[in-house]
PDB file of N, CA and C in Angstrom:
ATOM      1  N   UNK A   1     -27.104  38.674  10.862  1.00  0.00           N
ATOM      2  CA  UNK A   1     -26.489  37.472  10.375  1.00  0.00           C
ATOM      3  C   UNK A   1     -26.634  37.382   8.887  1.00  0.00           C
ATOM      4  N   UNK A   2     -25.522  37.119   8.199  1.00  0.00           N
ATOM      5  CA  UNK A   2     -25.595  36.989   6.740  1.00  0.00           C
ATOM      6  C   UNK A   2     -26.143  35.592   6.319  1.00  0.00           C
ATOM      7  N   UNK A   3     -26.454  35.459   5.046  1.00  0.00           N
ATOM      8  CA  UNK A   3     -26.989  34.246   4.518  1.00  0.00           C
ATOM      9  C   UNK A   3     -25.928  33.052   4.736  1.00  0.00           C
ATOM     10  N   UNK A   4     -24.684  33.340   4.423  1.00  0.00           N
ATOM     11  CA  UNK A   4     -23.642  32.262   4.556  1.00  0.00           C
ATOM     12  C   UNK A   4     -23.424  31.845   5.977  1.00  0.00           C
ATOM     13  N   UNK A   5     -23.500  32.800   6.933  1.00  0.00           N
ATOM     14  CA  UNK A   5     -23.396  32.430   8.360  1.00  0.00           C
ATOM     15  C   UNK A   5     -24.577  31.628   8.829  1.00  0.00           C
ATOM     16  N   UNK A   6     -25.781  31.994   8.316  1.00  0.00           N
ATOM     17  CA  UNK A   6     -26.969  31.267   8.690  1.00  0.00           C
ATOM     18  C   UNK A   6     -26.925  29.855   8.148  1.00  0.00           C
ATOM     19  N   UNK A   7     -26.477  29.726   6.889  1.00  0.00           N
ATOM     20  CA  UNK A   7     -26.316  28.362   6.209  1.00  0.00           C
ATOM     21  C   UNK A   7     -25.365  27.498   6.967  1.00  0.00           C
ATOM     22  N   UNK A   8     -24.194  28.097   7.409  1.00  0.00           N
ATOM     23  CA  UNK A   8     -23.199  27.368   8.110  1.00  0.00           C
ATOM     24  C   UNK A   8     -23.772  26.880   9.509  1.00  0.00           C
ATOM     25  N   UNK A   9     -24.498  27.716  10.137  1.00  0.00           N
ATOM     26  CA  UNK A   9     -25.119  27.347  11.383  1.00  0.00           C
ATOM     27  C   UNK A   9     -26.149  26.304  11.272  1.00  0.00           C
ATOM     28  N   UNK A  10     -26.957  26.307  10.182  1.00  0.00           N
ATOM     29  CA  UNK A  10     -27.969  25.221   9.935  1.00  0.00           C
ATOM     30  C   UNK A  10     -27.219  23.899   9.658  1.00  0.00           C
ATOM     31  N   UNK A  11     -26.157  24.005   8.833  1.00  0.00           N
ATOM     32  CA  UNK A  11     -25.451  22.789   8.490  1.00  0.00           C
ATOM     33  C   UNK A  11     -24.782  22.174   9.711  1.00  0.00           C
ATOM     34  N   UNK A  12     -24.182  23.023  10.557  1.00  0.00           N
ATOM     35  CA  UNK A  12     -23.555  22.467  11.740  1.00  0.00           C
ATOM     36  C   UNK A  12     -24.589  21.800  12.663  1.00  0.00           C
ATOM     37  N   UNK A  13     -25.733  22.423  12.816  1.00  0.00           N
ATOM     38  CA  UNK A  13     -26.814  21.797  13.681  1.00  0.00           C
ATOM     39  C   UNK A  13     -27.303  20.506  13.092  1.00  0.00           C
ATOM     40  N   UNK A  14     -27.252  20.382  11.685  1.00  0.00           N
ATOM     41  CA  UNK A  14     -27.707  19.120  11.109  1.00  0.00           C
ATOM     42  C   UNK A  14     -26.706  18.009  11.423  1.00  0.00           C
ATOM     43  N   UNK A  15     -25.402  18.342  11.327  1.00  0.00           N
ATOM     44  CA  UNK A  15     -24.348  17.290  11.387  1.00  0.00           C
ATOM     45  C   UNK A  15     -24.122  16.937  12.890  1.00  0.00           C
ATOM     46  N   UNK A  16     -24.113  17.932  13.771  1.00  0.00           N
ATOM     47  CA  UNK A  16     -23.679  17.710  15.147  1.00  0.00           C
ATOM     48  C   UNK A  16     -24.896  17.577  16.113  1.00  0.00           C
ATOM     49  N   UNK A  17     -26.029  18.070  15.717  1.00  0.00           N
ATOM     50  CA  UNK A  17     -27.256  17.910  16.545  1.00  0.00           C
ATOM     51  C   UNK A  17     -26.980  18.217  18.037  1.00  0.00           C
ATOM     52  N   UNK A  18     -26.149  19.310  18.285  1.00  0.00           N
ATOM     53  CA  UNK A  18     -25.904  19.800  19.602  1.00  0.00           C
ATOM     54  C   UNK A  18     -25.119  18.717  20.389  1.00  0.00           C
ATOM     55  N   UNK A  19     -24.367  17.859  19.753  1.00  0.00           N
ATOM     56  CA  UNK A  19     -23.527  16.893  20.445  1.00  0.00           C
ATOM     57  C   UNK A  19     -22.079  17.149  20.038  1.00  0.00           C
ATOM     58  N   UNK A  20     -21.176  16.735  20.902  1.00  0.00           N
ATOM     59  CA  UNK A  20     -19.772  16.891  20.626  1.00  0.00           C
ATOM     60  C   UNK A  20     -19.362  15.688  19.704  1.00  0.00           C
ATOM     61  N   UNK A  21     -18.775  15.979  18.502  1.00  0.00           N
ATOM     62  CA  UNK A  21     -18.449  14.868  17.626  1.00  0.00           C
ATOM     63  C   UNK A  21     -17.222  14.134  18.192  1.00  0.00           C
ATOM     64  N   UNK A  22     -17.216  12.831  17.915  1.00  0.00           N
ATOM     65  CA  UNK A  22     -16.113  12.017  18.314  1.00  0.00           C
ATOM     66  C   UNK A  22     -15.915  10.878  17.265  1.00  0.00           C
ATOM     67  N   UNK A  23     -14.701  10.362  17.221  1.00  0.00           N
ATOM     68  CA  UNK A  23     -14.380   9.273  16.342  1.00  0.00           C
ATOM     69  C   UNK A  23     -14.533   7.972  17.033  1.00  0.00           C
ATOM     70  N   UNK A  24     -15.260   7.070  16.484  1.00  0.00           N
ATOM     71  CA  UNK A  24     -15.458   5.751  17.105  1.00  0.00           C
ATOM     72  C   UNK A  24     -14.733   4.736  16.335  1.00  0.00           C
ATOM     73  N   UNK A  25     -13.961   3.912  16.956  1.00  0.00           N
ATOM     74  CA  UNK A  25     -13.233   2.816  16.286  1.00  0.00           C
ATOM     75  C   UNK A  25     -14.194   1.662  16.097  1.00  0.00           C
ATOM     76  N   UNK A  26     -14.287   1.174  14.940  1.00  0.00           N
ATOM     77  CA  UNK A  26     -15.235   0.059  14.640  1.00  0.00           C
ATOM     78  C   UNK A  26     -14.644  -1.230  15.288  1.00  0.00           C
ATOM     79  N   UNK A  27     -15.520  -2.096  15.888  1.00  0.00           N
ATOM     80  CA  UNK A  27     -14.996  -3.270  16.562  1.00  0.00           C
ATOM     81  C   UNK A  27     -14.464  -4.172  15.436  1.00  0.00           C
ATOM     82  N   UNK A  28     -13.315  -4.844  15.799  1.00  0.00           N
ATOM     83  CA  UNK A  28     -12.771  -5.850  14.869  1.00  0.00           C
ATOM     84  C   UNK A  28     -11.848  -5.290  13.834  1.00  0.00           C
ATOM     85  N   UNK A  29     -11.587  -3.944  13.917  1.00  0.00           N
ATOM     86  CA  UNK A  29     -10.699  -3.320  12.914  1.00  0.00           C
ATOM     87  C   UNK A  29      -9.216  -3.828  13.137  1.00  0.00           C
ATOM     88  N   UNK A  30      -8.497  -3.934  12.094  1.00  0.00           N
ATOM     89  CA  UNK A  30      -7.132  -4.326  12.226  1.00  0.00           C
ATOM     90  C   UNK A  30      -6.272  -3.105  12.605  1.00  0.00           C
ATOM     91  N   UNK A  31      -5.218  -3.279  13.385  1.00  0.00           N
ATOM     92  CA  UNK A  31      -4.317  -2.122  13.689  1.00  0.00           C
ATOM     93  C   UNK A  31      -3.640  -1.638  12.389  1.00  0.00           C
ATOM     94  N   UNK A  32      -3.260  -0.386  12.378  1.00  0.00           N
ATOM     95  CA  UNK A  32      -2.752   0.244  11.199  1.00  0.00           C
ATOM     96  C   UNK A  32      -1.377  -0.385  10.803  1.00  0.00           C
ATOM     97  N   UNK A  33      -0.655  -0.867  11.818  1.00  0.00           N
ATOM     98  CA  UNK A  33       0.655  -1.387  11.576  1.00  0.00           C
ATOM     99  C   UNK A  33       0.681  -2.879  11.179  1.00  0.00           C
ATOM    100  N   UNK A  34      -0.450  -3.390  10.729  1.00  0.00           N
ATOM    101  CA  UNK A  34      -0.495  -4.829  10.324  1.00  0.00           C
ATOM    102  C   UNK A  34       0.275  -5.064   9.035  1.00  0.00           C
ATOM    103  N   UNK A  35       1.591  -5.351   9.201  1.00  0.00           N
ATOM    104  CA  UNK A  35       2.400  -5.375   7.987  1.00  0.00           C
ATOM    105  C   UNK A  35       2.134  -6.476   7.001  1.00  0.00           C
ATOM    106  N   UNK A  36       1.538  -7.564   7.551  1.00  0.00           N
ATOM    107  CA  UNK A  36       1.182  -8.633   6.647  1.00  0.00           C
ATOM    108  C   UNK A  36       0.136  -8.245   5.652  1.00  0.00           C
ATOM    109  N   UNK A  37      -0.896  -7.494   6.120  1.00  0.00           N
ATOM    110  CA  UNK A  37      -1.995  -7.009   5.283  1.00  0.00           C
ATOM    111  C   UNK A  37      -1.429  -5.942   4.322  1.00  0.00           C
ATOM    112  N   UNK A  38      -0.644  -5.025   4.911  1.00  0.00           N
ATOM    113  CA  UNK A  38      -0.106  -3.928   4.088  1.00  0.00           C
ATOM    114  C   UNK A  38       0.791  -4.450   2.996  1.00  0.00           C
ATOM    115  N   UNK A  39       1.642  -5.434   3.249  1.00  0.00           N
ATOM    116  CA  UNK A  39       2.510  -5.925   2.168  1.00  0.00           C
ATOM    117  C   UNK A  39       1.754  -6.735   1.192  1.00  0.00           C
ATOM    118  N   UNK A  40       0.697  -7.357   1.602  1.00  0.00           N
ATOM    119  CA  UNK A  40      -0.207  -8.131   0.624  1.00  0.00           C
ATOM    120  C   UNK A  40      -0.900  -7.082  -0.253  1.00  0.00           C
ATOM    121  N   UNK A  41      -1.398  -6.015   0.260  1.00  0.00           N
ATOM    122  CA  UNK A  41      -2.024  -4.989  -0.562  1.00  0.00           C
ATOM    123  C   UNK A  41      -1.066  -4.328  -1.483  1.00  0.00           C
ATOM    124  N   UNK A  42       0.183  -4.183  -0.996  1.00  0.00           N
ATOM    125  CA  UNK A  42       1.231  -3.630  -1.911  1.00  0.00           C
ATOM    126  C   UNK A  42       1.460  -4.538  -3.067  1.00  0.00           C
ATOM    127  N   UNK A  43       1.564  -5.787  -2.865  1.00  0.00           N
ATOM    128  CA  UNK A  43       1.716  -6.771  -3.945  1.00  0.00           C
ATOM    129  C   UNK A  43       0.519  -6.754  -4.904  1.00  0.00           C
ATOM    130  N   UNK A  44      -0.686  -6.677  -4.403  1.00  0.00           N
ATOM    131  CA  UNK A  44      -1.865  -6.510  -5.231  1.00  0.00           C
ATOM    132  C   UNK A  44      -1.842  -5.290  -6.075  1.00  0.00           C
ATOM    133  N   UNK A  45      -1.351  -4.153  -5.481  1.00  0.00           N
ATOM    134  CA  UNK A  45      -1.319  -2.913  -6.180  1.00  0.00           C
ATOM    135  C   UNK A  45      -0.215  -3.015  -7.369  1.00  0.00           C
ATOM    136  N   UNK A  46       0.863  -3.675  -7.049  1.00  0.00           N
ATOM    137  CA  UNK A  46       1.848  -3.839  -8.099  1.00  0.00           C
ATOM    138  C   UNK A  46       1.335  -4.710  -9.275  1.00  0.00           C
ATOM    139  N   UNK A  47       0.605  -5.775  -8.910  1.00  0.00           N
ATOM    140  CA  UNK A  47       0.012  -6.594  -9.975  1.00  0.00           C
ATOM    141  C   UNK A  47      -0.987  -5.786 -10.818  1.00  0.00           C
ATOM    142  N   UNK A  48      -1.882  -5.039 -10.101  1.00  0.00           N
ATOM    143  CA  UNK A  48      -2.801  -4.223 -10.869  1.00  0.00           C
ATOM    144  C   UNK A  48      -2.152  -3.188 -11.709  1.00  0.00           C
ATOM    145  N   UNK A  49      -1.089  -2.517 -11.178  1.00  0.00           N
ATOM    146  CA  UNK A  49      -0.333  -1.598 -12.035  1.00  0.00           C
ATOM    147  C   UNK A  49       0.309  -2.234 -13.182  1.00  0.00           C
ATOM    148  N   UNK A  50       0.846  -3.400 -13.008  1.00  0.00           N
ATOM    149  CA  UNK A  50       1.579  -4.110 -14.093  1.00  0.00           C
ATOM    150  C   UNK A  50       0.569  -4.433 -15.230  1.00  0.00           C
ATOM    151  N   UNK A  51      -0.614  -4.681 -14.876  1.00  0.00           N
ATOM    152  CA  UNK A  51      -1.656  -5.005 -15.925  1.00  0.00           C
ATOM    153  C   UNK A  51      -1.907  -3.847 -16.837  1.00  0.00           C
ATOM    154  N   UNK A  52      -1.603  -2.587 -16.370  1.00  0.00           N
ATOM    155  CA  UNK A  52      -1.898  -1.366 -17.155  1.00  0.00           C
ATOM    156  C   UNK A  52      -0.765  -0.985 -18.052  1.00  0.00           C
ATOM    157  N   UNK A  53       0.390  -1.639 -17.938  1.00  0.00           N
ATOM    158  CA  UNK A  53       1.560  -1.318 -18.744  1.00  0.00           C
ATOM    159  C   UNK A  53       1.410  -2.038 -20.085  1.00  0.00           C
ATOM    160  N   UNK A  54       1.544  -1.280 -21.198  1.00  0.00           N
ATOM    161  CA  UNK A  54       1.409  -1.961 -22.519  1.00  0.00           C
ATOM    162  C   UNK A  54       2.596  -2.929 -22.661  1.00  0.00           C
ATOM    163  N   UNK A  55       2.210  -4.089 -23.189  1.00  0.00           N
ATOM    164  CA  UNK A  55       3.200  -5.175 -23.400  1.00  0.00           C
ATOM    165  C   UNK A  55       3.967  -4.895 -24.752  1.00  0.00           C
ATOM    166  N   UNK A  56       5.261  -4.701 -24.591  1.00  0.00           N
ATOM    167  CA  UNK A  56       6.128  -4.549 -25.798  1.00  0.00           C
ATOM    168  C   UNK A  56       7.382  -5.437 -25.542  1.00  0.00           C
ATOM    169  N   UNK A  57       8.243  -5.511 -26.461  1.00  0.00           N
ATOM    170  CA  UNK A  57       9.556  -6.279 -26.296  1.00  0.00           C
ATOM    171  C   UNK A  57      10.292  -5.750 -25.115  1.00  0.00           C
ATOM    172  N   UNK A  58      10.330  -4.473 -24.930  1.00  0.00           N
ATOM    173  CA  UNK A  58      11.113  -3.845 -23.808  1.00  0.00           C
ATOM    174  C   UNK A  58      10.421  -4.074 -22.437  1.00  0.00           C
ATOM    175  N   UNK A  59       9.134  -3.822 -22.410  1.00  0.00           N
ATOM    176  CA  UNK A  59       8.457  -3.809 -21.139  1.00  0.00           C
ATOM    177  C   UNK A  59       8.117  -5.292 -20.598  1.00  0.00           C
ATOM    178  N   UNK A  60       8.171  -6.212 -21.530  1.00  0.00           N
ATOM    179  CA  UNK A  60       7.809  -7.564 -21.044  1.00  0.00           C
ATOM    180  C   UNK A  60       8.648  -8.032 -19.894  1.00  0.00           C
ATOM    181  N   UNK A  61       9.949  -7.962 -20.037  1.00  0.00           N
ATOM    182  CA  UNK A  61      10.816  -8.454 -19.010  1.00  0.00           C
ATOM    183  C   UNK A  61      10.666  -7.501 -17.755  1.00  0.00           C
ATOM    184  N   UNK A  62      10.573  -6.238 -17.929  1.00  0.00           N
ATOM    185  CA  UNK A  62      10.434  -5.317 -16.805  1.00  0.00           C
ATOM    186  C   UNK A  62       9.199  -5.662 -15.951  1.00  0.00           C
ATOM    187  N   UNK A  63       8.072  -5.917 -16.650  1.00  0.00           N
ATOM    188  CA  UNK A  63       6.907  -6.315 -15.980  1.00  0.00           C
ATOM    189  C   UNK A  63       6.986  -7.509 -15.139  1.00  0.00           C
ATOM    190  N   UNK A  64       7.631  -8.534 -15.686  1.00  0.00           N
ATOM    191  CA  UNK A  64       7.785  -9.840 -14.974  1.00  0.00           C
ATOM    192  C   UNK A  64       8.678  -9.579 -13.702  1.00  0.00           C
ATOM    193  N   UNK A  65       9.756  -8.790 -13.869  1.00  0.00           N
ATOM    194  CA  UNK A  65      10.670  -8.481 -12.760  1.00  0.00           C
ATOM    195  C   UNK A  65       9.902  -7.613 -11.690  1.00  0.00           C
ATOM    196  N   UNK A  66       9.139  -6.710 -12.150  1.00  0.00           N
ATOM    197  CA  UNK A  66       8.371  -5.815 -11.269  1.00  0.00           C
ATOM    198  C   UNK A  66       7.405  -6.663 -10.420  1.00  0.00           C
ATOM    199  N   UNK A  67       6.651  -7.521 -11.083  1.00  0.00           N
ATOM    200  CA  UNK A  67       5.638  -8.361 -10.344  1.00  0.00           C
ATOM    201  C   UNK A  67       6.346  -9.250  -9.413  1.00  0.00           C
ATOM    202  N   UNK A  68       7.399  -9.815  -9.813  1.00  0.00           N
ATOM    203  CA  UNK A  68       8.187 -10.753  -8.989  1.00  0.00           C
ATOM    204  C   UNK A  68       8.732 -10.083  -7.702  1.00  0.00           C
ATOM    205  N   UNK A  69       9.342  -8.948  -7.877  1.00  0.00           N
ATOM    206  CA  UNK A  69       9.871  -8.226  -6.719  1.00  0.00           C
ATOM    207  C   UNK A  69       8.750  -7.677  -5.845  1.00  0.00           C
ATOM    208  N   UNK A  70       7.731  -7.167  -6.409  1.00  0.00           N
ATOM    209  CA  UNK A  70       6.629  -6.506  -5.660  1.00  0.00           C
ATOM    210  C   UNK A  70       5.814  -7.526  -4.845  1.00  0.00           C
ATOM    211  N   UNK A  71       5.617  -8.690  -5.365  1.00  0.00           N
ATOM    212  CA  UNK A  71       4.861  -9.672  -4.585  1.00  0.00           C
ATOM    213  C   UNK A  71       5.707 -10.447  -3.579  1.00  0.00           C
ATOM    214  N   UNK A  72       7.000 -10.482  -3.831  1.00  0.00           N
ATOM    215  CA  UNK A  72       7.913 -11.203  -2.853  1.00  0.00           C
ATOM    216  C   UNK A  72       8.119 -10.462  -1.576  1.00  0.00           C
ATOM    217  N   UNK A  73       7.831  -9.146  -1.525  1.00  0.00           N
ATOM    218  CA  UNK A  73       7.963  -8.414  -0.300  1.00  0.00           C
ATOM    219  C   UNK A  73       7.059  -8.982   0.784  1.00  0.00           C
ATOM    220  N   UNK A  74       5.799  -9.204   0.394  1.00  0.00           N
ATOM    221  CA  UNK A  74       4.815  -9.815   1.326  1.00  0.00           C
ATOM    222  C   UNK A  74       5.149 -11.225   1.652  1.00  0.00           C
ATOM    223  N   UNK A  75       5.648 -12.024   0.727  1.00  0.00           N
ATOM    224  CA  UNK A  75       5.975 -13.424   0.976  1.00  0.00           C
ATOM    225  C   UNK A  75       7.117 -13.482   1.934  1.00  0.00           C
ATOM    226  N   UNK A  76       8.131 -12.669   1.815  1.00  0.00           N
ATOM    227  CA  UNK A  76       9.286 -12.689   2.645  1.00  0.00           C
ATOM    228  C   UNK A  76       8.919 -12.146   4.034  1.00  0.00           C
ATOM    229  N   UNK A  77       7.904 -11.212   4.067  1.00  0.00           N
ATOM    230  CA  UNK A  77       7.481 -10.716   5.415  1.00  0.00           C
ATOM    231  C   UNK A  77       6.772 -11.867   6.139  1.00  0.00           C
ATOM    232  N   UNK A  78       5.958 -12.649   5.445  1.00  0.00           N
ATOM    233  CA  UNK A  78       5.274 -13.709   6.112  1.00  0.00           C
ATOM    234  C   UNK A  78       6.259 -14.752   6.673  1.00  0.00           C
ATOM    235  N   UNK A  79       7.392 -14.946   5.858  1.00  0.00           N
ATOM    236  CA  UNK A  79       8.461 -15.895   6.321  1.00  0.00           C
ATOM    237  C   UNK A  79       9.129 -15.305   7.568  1.00  0.00           C
ATOM    238  N   UNK A  80       9.373 -14.035   7.577  1.00  0.00           N
ATOM    239  CA  UNK A  80      10.016 -13.413   8.663  1.00  0.00           C
ATOM    240  C   UNK A  80       9.209 -13.463   9.912  1.00  0.00           C
ATOM    241  N   UNK A  81       7.877 -13.239   9.712  1.00  0.00           N
ATOM    242  CA  UNK A  81       6.970 -13.288  10.915  1.00  0.00           C
ATOM    243  C   UNK A  81       6.894 -14.704  11.521  1.00  0.00           C
ATOM    244  N   UNK A  82       7.183 -15.719  10.692  1.00  0.00           N
ATOM    245  CA  UNK A  82       7.146 -17.068  11.191  1.00  0.00           C
ATOM    246  C   UNK A  82       8.536 -17.580  11.574  1.00  0.00           C
ATOM    247  N   UNK A  83       9.508 -16.681  11.652  1.00  0.00           N
ATOM    248  CA  UNK A  83      10.879 -17.090  11.939  1.00  0.00           C
ATOM    249  C   UNK A  83      11.004 -17.612  13.327  1.00  0.00           C
ATOM    250  N   UNK A  84      11.878 -18.649  13.516  1.00  0.00           N
ATOM    251  CA  UNK A  84      12.071 -19.322  14.761  1.00  0.00           C
ATOM    252  C   UNK A  84      13.240 -18.741  15.561  1.00  0.00           C
ATOM    253  N   UNK A  85      14.075 -17.926  14.926  1.00  0.00           N
ATOM    254  CA  UNK A  85      15.131 -17.280  15.646  1.00  0.00           C
ATOM    255  C   UNK A  85      15.310 -15.844  15.152  1.00  0.00           C
ATOM    256  N   UNK A  86      15.935 -15.004  16.019  1.00  0.00           N
ATOM    257  CA  UNK A  86      16.165 -13.567  15.681  1.00  0.00           C
ATOM    258  C   UNK A  86      17.032 -13.497  14.401  1.00  0.00           C
ATOM    259  N   UNK A  87      17.999 -14.315  14.269  1.00  0.00           N
ATOM    260  CA  UNK A  87      18.830 -14.351  13.071  1.00  0.00           C
ATOM    261  C   UNK A  87      18.047 -14.583  11.815  1.00  0.00           C
ATOM    262  N   UNK A  88      17.181 -15.564  11.822  1.00  0.00           N
ATOM    263  CA  UNK A  88      16.277 -15.871  10.717  1.00  0.00           C
ATOM    264  C   UNK A  88      15.370 -14.722  10.372  1.00  0.00           C
ATOM    265  N   UNK A  89      14.858 -14.099  11.482  1.00  0.00           N
ATOM    266  CA  UNK A  89      13.874 -12.959  11.265  1.00  0.00           C
ATOM    267  C   UNK A  89      14.650 -11.819  10.582  1.00  0.00           C
ATOM    268  N   UNK A  90      15.824 -11.485  11.096  1.00  0.00           N
ATOM    269  CA  UNK A  90      16.622 -10.315  10.487  1.00  0.00           C
ATOM    270  C   UNK A  90      16.943 -10.600   9.082  1.00  0.00           C
ATOM    271  N   UNK A  91      17.313 -11.843   8.752  1.00  0.00           N
ATOM    272  CA  UNK A  91      17.641 -12.229   7.349  1.00  0.00           C
ATOM    273  C   UNK A  91      16.442 -12.009   6.449  1.00  0.00           C
ATOM    274  N   UNK A  92      15.285 -12.469   6.847  1.00  0.00           N
ATOM    275  CA  UNK A  92      14.097 -12.347   6.025  1.00  0.00           C
ATOM    276  C   UNK A  92      13.597 -10.884   5.940  1.00  0.00           C
ATOM    277  N   UNK A  93      13.690 -10.191   7.031  1.00  0.00           N
ATOM    278  CA  UNK A  93      13.332  -8.714   6.922  1.00  0.00           C
ATOM    279  C   UNK A  93      14.304  -7.984   6.010  1.00  0.00           C
ATOM    280  N   UNK A  94      15.545  -8.349   6.062  1.00  0.00           N
ATOM    281  CA  UNK A  94      16.519  -7.750   5.171  1.00  0.00           C
ATOM    282  C   UNK A  94      16.175  -8.052   3.727  1.00  0.00           C
ATOM    283  N   UNK A  95      15.731  -9.285   3.440  1.00  0.00           N
ATOM    284  CA  UNK A  95      15.277  -9.620   2.075  1.00  0.00           C
ATOM    285  C   UNK A  95      14.063  -8.772   1.643  1.00  0.00           C
ATOM    286  N   UNK A  96      13.167  -8.574   2.603  1.00  0.00           N
ATOM    287  CA  UNK A  96      12.006  -7.714   2.290  1.00  0.00           C
ATOM    288  C   UNK A  96      12.437  -6.280   1.867  1.00  0.00           C
ATOM    289  N   UNK A  97      13.433  -5.814   2.622  1.00  0.00           N
ATOM    290  CA  UNK A  97      13.904  -4.438   2.255  1.00  0.00           C
ATOM    291  C   UNK A  97      14.571  -4.426   0.886  1.00  0.00           C
ATOM    292  N   UNK A  98      15.414  -5.489   0.577  1.00  0.00           N
ATOM    293  CA  UNK A  98      16.004  -5.538  -0.709  1.00  0.00           C
ATOM    294  C   UNK A  98      14.935  -5.613  -1.860  1.00  0.00           C
ATOM    295  N   UNK A  99      13.900  -6.515  -1.611  1.00  0.00           N
ATOM    296  CA  UNK A  99      12.885  -6.656  -2.640  1.00  0.00           C
ATOM    297  C   UNK A  99      12.059  -5.330  -2.854  1.00  0.00           C
ATOM    298  N   UNK A 100      11.868  -4.589  -1.808  1.00  0.00           N
ATOM    299  CA  UNK A 100      11.122  -3.335  -1.848  1.00  0.00           C
ATOM    300  C   UNK A 100      11.976  -2.348  -2.670  1.00  0.00           C
ATOM    301  N   UNK A 101      13.249  -2.270  -2.418  1.00  0.00           N
ATOM    302  CA  UNK A 101      14.169  -1.459  -3.249  1.00  0.00           C
ATOM    303  C   UNK A 101      14.161  -1.846  -4.699  1.00  0.00           C
ATOM    304  N   UNK A 102      14.200  -3.134  -4.944  1.00  0.00           N
ATOM    305  CA  UNK A 102      14.155  -3.659  -6.294  1.00  0.00           C
ATOM    306  C   UNK A 102      12.864  -3.267  -7.018  1.00  0.00           C
ATOM    307  N   UNK A 103      11.806  -3.404  -6.316  1.00  0.00           N
ATOM    308  CA  UNK A 103      10.481  -2.993  -6.763  1.00  0.00           C
ATOM    309  C   UNK A 103      10.470  -1.472  -7.233  1.00  0.00           C
ATOM    310  N   UNK A 104      11.089  -0.727  -6.372  1.00  0.00           N
ATOM    311  CA  UNK A 104      11.160   0.797  -6.672  1.00  0.00           C
ATOM    312  C   UNK A 104      11.980   0.961  -7.906  1.00  0.00           C
ATOM    313  N   UNK A 105      13.027   0.197  -8.112  1.00  0.00           N
ATOM    314  CA  UNK A 105      13.914   0.296  -9.300  1.00  0.00           C
ATOM    315  C   UNK A 105      13.060  -0.075 -10.520  1.00  0.00           C
ATOM    316  N   UNK A 106      12.347  -1.151 -10.505  1.00  0.00           N
ATOM    317  CA  UNK A 106      11.556  -1.611 -11.709  1.00  0.00           C
ATOM    318  C   UNK A 106      10.402  -0.731 -11.947  1.00  0.00           C
ATOM    319  N   UNK A 107       9.803  -0.081 -10.913  1.00  0.00           N
ATOM    320  CA  UNK A 107       8.754   0.935 -11.213  1.00  0.00           C
ATOM    321  C   UNK A 107       9.355   2.092 -12.022  1.00  0.00           C
ATOM    322  N   UNK A 108      10.563   2.494 -11.622  1.00  0.00           N
ATOM    323  CA  UNK A 108      11.242   3.564 -12.392  1.00  0.00           C
ATOM    324  C   UNK A 108      11.500   3.182 -13.814  1.00  0.00           C
ATOM    325  N   UNK A 109      11.922   1.917 -13.989  1.00  0.00           N
ATOM    326  CA  UNK A 109      12.201   1.390 -15.389  1.00  0.00           C
ATOM    327  C   UNK A 109      10.920   1.256 -16.153  1.00  0.00           C
ATOM    328  N   UNK A 110       9.823   0.930 -15.565  1.00  0.00           N
ATOM    329  CA  UNK A 110       8.525   0.777 -16.201  1.00  0.00           C
ATOM    330  C   UNK A 110       8.030   2.168 -16.715  1.00  0.00           C
ATOM    331  N   UNK A 111       8.255   3.174 -15.837  1.00  0.00           N
ATOM    332  CA  UNK A 111       7.887   4.498 -16.192  1.00  0.00           C
ATOM    333  C   UNK A 111       8.678   4.970 -17.358  1.00  0.00           C
ATOM    334  N   UNK A 112       9.978   4.706 -17.399  1.00  0.00           N
ATOM    335  CA  UNK A 112      10.848   5.071 -18.478  1.00  0.00           C
ATOM    336  C   UNK A 112      10.478   4.347 -19.760  1.00  0.00           C
ATOM    337  N   UNK A 113      10.228   3.062 -19.682  1.00  0.00           N
ATOM    338  CA  UNK A 113       9.921   2.232 -20.835  1.00  0.00           C
ATOM    339  C   UNK A 113       8.618   2.611 -21.443  1.00  0.00           C
ATOM    340  N   UNK A 114       7.640   3.017 -20.610  1.00  0.00           N
ATOM    341  CA  UNK A 114       6.311   3.335 -21.189  1.00  0.00           C
ATOM    342  C   UNK A 114       6.251   4.789 -21.783  1.00  0.00           C
ATOM    343  N   UNK A 115       7.294   5.563 -21.484  1.00  0.00           N
ATOM    344  CA  UNK A 115       7.307   6.926 -22.016  1.00  0.00           C
ATOM    345  C   UNK A 115       7.699   6.869 -23.519  1.00  0.00           C
ATOM    346  N   UNK A 116       8.551   5.926 -23.820  1.00  0.00           N
ATOM    347  CA  UNK A 116       9.026   5.863 -25.272  1.00  0.00           C
ATOM    348  C   UNK A 116       8.158   5.016 -26.116  1.00  0.00           C
TER     349      UNK A 116
END
């Protein structure tokens, strides 16, 4: 047995201790598809990113539009989640999609403006 094989075997025995490894889900964890939490984190990420963009005459308006569109995705999702009819839900989810696309547009504009 070579030194590297011996080291790998020692390391495996340390981590697994002759047990079969398994992934344990922590109690109380949120499901991955929790869109309310995900859209809120998206809005927070947009705000944090906007803070890193240097303020100039050109970027000032882009930053405000970016923050507005990025944070409204979550707000519109919360409204959709509380909708009383299917029609209202579809309207608000459609608005979420529009705001997400608008955010994508302003991220592109922010990237362009900060290059120059």
